[in-house]
Amino acid sequence: LEQEIAEVQSKHTTAAEAETAEQDRHRELAQERLRQLAQEVVEAQQLHETTASAEAAASAAVGESQRKADERHLQLEQEIAEVQSKHTTAAEAETAEQDRHRELAQERLRQLAQEVVEAQQLHETTASAEAAASAAVGESQRKADERHLQLEQEIAE
């Protein structure tokens, strides 16, 4: 019996030692797994922080780029407005200049037409005066010729 008891106790001790060894091995594996998980958590946290930092930097860069694009857009709109204003002003000035030239040309045409009318009247007056003068000269010549003949007759008598 003592031997059987010793054997049972030995088996029990061996089983307990094996169980303890198995528990120790499981504990060590669990602790190793916990260390791995803790390391993964740290790495994940670092990755999250790095990603958040990169996202913040990217967002800031996008914001700055958007701000610059908006500024450039406004600048281009202002430049377009200025060019359009200058073009409108130039077109208005050109139109005013054309109107002024048109008015001057029309005034000159009126003057020339008036001069043509006056020249025509002068020509008619001159022609009439020439005709009257020619008639007067003709009449005077006729009278002079008559007087000449009269004088020649008187001399002959």
Protein backbone atom coordinates (compact mmCIF):
# COMPACT_ATOMS: atom_id res chain seq x y z
CA LEU A 1 0.00 0.00 0.00
CA GLU A 2 2.80 2.34 0.90
CA GLN A 3 4.34 1.67 -2.47
CA GLU A 4 1.05 2.27 -4.23
CA ILE A 5 0.57 5.44 -2.18
CA ALA A 6 4.12 6.51 -3.06
CA GLU A 7 3.48 5.74 -6.71
CA VAL A 8 0.17 7.62 -6.69
CA GLN A 9 1.83 10.52 -4.87
CA SER A 10 4.71 10.40 -7.34
CA LYS A 11 2.29 10.34 -10.27
CA HIS A 12 0.26 13.09 -8.61
CA THR A 13 3.42 15.12 -8.04
CA THR A 14 4.60 14.43 -11.58
CA ALA A 15 1.16 15.32 -12.92
CA ALA A 16 1.07 18.44 -10.73
CA GLU A 17 4.59 19.37 -11.83
CA ALA A 18 3.61 18.68 -15.46
CA GLU A 19 0.45 20.73 -14.97
CA THR A 20 2.46 23.52 -13.33
CA ALA A 21 5.02 23.35 -16.14
CA GLU A 22 2.17 23.45 -18.66
CA GLN A 23 0.60 26.41 -16.82
CA ASP A 24 3.99 28.14 -16.68
CA ARG A 25 4.41 27.55 -20.42
CA HIS A 26 0.91 28.89 -21.11
CA ARG A 27 1.59 31.88 -18.83
CA GLU A 28 4.87 32.59 -20.64
CA LEU A 29 3.13 32.27 -24.04
CA ALA A 30 0.32 34.52 -22.81
CA GLN A 31 2.83 37.08 -21.49
CA GLU A 32 4.77 36.94 -24.76
CA ARG A 33 1.53 37.42 -26.67
CA LEU A 34 0.64 40.34 -24.36
CA ARG A 35 4.07 41.88 -25.02
CA GLN A 36 3.53 41.44 -28.77
CA LEU A 37 0.07 42.96 -28.54
CA ALA A 38 1.40 45.84 -26.43
CA GLN A 39 4.13 46.41 -29.06
CA GLU A 40 1.51 46.31 -31.82
CA VAL A 41 -0.63 48.79 -29.85
CA VAL A 42 2.39 51.12 -29.51
CA GLU A 43 3.18 50.76 -33.21
CA ALA A 44 -0.47 51.31 -34.13
CA GLN A 45 -0.56 54.41 -31.91
CA GLN A 46 2.64 55.72 -33.53
CA LEU A 47 1.22 54.98 -36.99
CA HIS A 48 -2.02 56.75 -36.00
CA GLU A 49 -0.06 59.78 -34.77
CA THR A 50 2.13 59.78 -37.88
CA THR A 51 -0.95 59.45 -40.08
CA ALA A 52 -2.75 62.22 -38.17
CA SER A 53 0.33 64.44 -38.50
CA ALA A 54 0.61 63.64 -42.22
CA GLU A 55 -3.12 64.30 -42.66
CA ALA A 56 -2.79 67.60 -40.82
CA ALA A 57 0.21 68.57 -42.97
CA ALA A 58 -1.60 67.50 -46.14
CA SER A 59 -4.71 69.38 -45.06
CA ALA A 60 -2.61 72.47 -44.33
CA ALA A 61 -0.88 72.14 -47.70
CA VAL A 62 -4.22 71.71 -49.46
CA GLY A 63 -5.60 74.69 -47.53
CA GLU A 64 -2.60 76.81 -48.47
CA SER A 65 -2.82 75.66 -52.08
CA GLN A 66 -6.55 76.44 -52.10
CA ARG A 67 -5.89 79.85 -50.55
CA LYS A 68 -3.26 80.60 -53.22
CA ALA A 69 -5.59 79.35 -55.96
CA ASP A 70 -8.39 81.57 -54.60
CA GLU A 71 -6.02 84.56 -54.47
CA ARG A 72 -4.88 83.90 -58.05
CA HIS A 73 -8.49 83.49 -59.15
CA LEU A 74 -9.40 86.85 -57.62
CA GLN A 75 -6.30 88.44 -59.13
CA LEU A 76 -7.21 87.10 -62.58
CA GLU A 77 -10.80 88.31 -62.18
CA GLN A 78 -9.47 91.77 -61.27
CA GLU A 79 -7.09 91.75 -64.24
CA ILE A 80 -9.93 90.67 -66.54
CA ALA A 81 -12.15 93.43 -65.15
CA GLU A 82 -9.36 95.99 -65.67
CA VAL A 83 -8.74 94.83 -69.24
CA GLN A 84 -12.47 94.89 -69.97
CA SER A 85 -12.73 98.36 -68.45
CA LYS A 86 -9.78 99.60 -70.48
CA HIS A 87 -11.23 97.98 -73.59
CA THR A 88 -14.62 99.58 -72.92
CA THR A 89 -12.97 102.93 -72.23
CA ALA A 90 -10.87 102.61 -75.39
CA ALA A 91 -13.93 101.60 -77.40
CA GLU A 92 -15.87 104.54 -75.98
CA ALA A 93 -12.97 106.88 -76.73
CA GLU A 94 -12.67 105.44 -80.23
CA THR A 95 -16.40 105.84 -80.75
CA ALA A 96 -16.25 109.41 -79.46
CA GLU A 97 -13.29 110.09 -81.76
CA GLN A 98 -15.16 108.57 -84.68
CA ASP A 99 -18.22 110.65 -83.81
CA ARG A 100 -16.04 113.78 -83.65
CA HIS A 101 -14.45 112.95 -87.04
CA ARG A 102 -17.89 112.25 -88.50
CA GLU A 103 -19.19 115.58 -87.20
CA LEU A 104 -16.12 117.39 -88.56
CA ALA A 105 -16.53 115.65 -91.92
CA GLN A 106 -20.22 116.53 -92.03
CA GLU A 107 -19.44 120.15 -91.12
CA ARG A 108 -16.77 120.25 -93.86
CA LEU A 109 -19.27 118.78 -96.33
CA ARG A 110 -21.80 121.47 -95.36
CA GLN A 111 -19.09 124.13 -95.86
CA LEU A 112 -18.11 122.69 -99.23
CA ALA A 113 -21.75 122.48 -100.30
CA GLN A 114 -22.21 126.12 -99.26
CA GLU A 115 -19.06 127.07 -101.18
CA VAL A 116 -20.36 125.19 -104.23
CA VAL A 117 -23.68 127.07 -103.99
CA GLU A 118 -21.83 130.36 -103.58
CA ALA A 119 -19.50 129.54 -106.49
CA GLN A 120 -22.51 128.63 -108.62
CA GLN A 121 -24.22 131.89 -107.68
CA LEU A 122 -21.00 133.81 -108.36
CA HIS A 123 -20.66 132.05 -111.70
CA GLU A 124 -24.24 132.90 -112.57
CA THR A 125 -23.76 136.49 -111.38
CA THR A 126 -20.48 136.72 -113.29
CA ALA A 127 -22.06 135.25 -116.40
CA SER A 128 -24.95 137.65 -116.06
CA ALA A 129 -22.54 140.54 -115.45
CA GLU A 130 -20.41 139.38 -118.40
CA ALA A 131 -23.50 139.22 -120.57
CA ALA A 132 -24.60 142.66 -119.37
CA ALA A 133 -21.07 144.01 -119.84
CA SER A 134 -20.82 142.40 -123.25
CA ALA A 135 -24.19 143.88 -124.16
CA ALA A 136 -23.09 147.25 -122.81
CA VAL A 137 -19.79 147.01 -124.69
CA GLY A 138 -21.69 145.96 -127.80
CA GLU A 139 -24.11 148.86 -127.36
CA SER A 140 -21.23 151.22 -126.66
CA GLN A 141 -19.38 149.88 -129.70
CA ARG A 142 -22.51 150.28 -131.84
CA LYS A 143 -22.96 153.87 -130.59
CA ALA A 144 -19.24 154.54 -131.15
CA ASP A 145 -19.50 153.11 -134.67
CA GLU A 146 -22.63 155.24 -135.33
CA ARG A 147 -20.87 158.35 -134.03
CA HIS A 148 -17.81 157.49 -136.11
CA LEU A 149 -19.95 157.19 -139.21
CA GLN A 150 -21.76 160.38 -138.30
CA LEU A 151 -18.46 162.21 -137.84
CA GLU A 152 -17.14 160.85 -141.15
CA GLN A 153 -20.31 162.07 -142.88
CA GLU A 154 -20.01 165.46 -141.29
CA ILE A 155 -16.38 165.66 -142.37
CA ALA A 156 -17.36 164.60 -145.88
CA GLU A 157 -20.07 167.30 -146.03
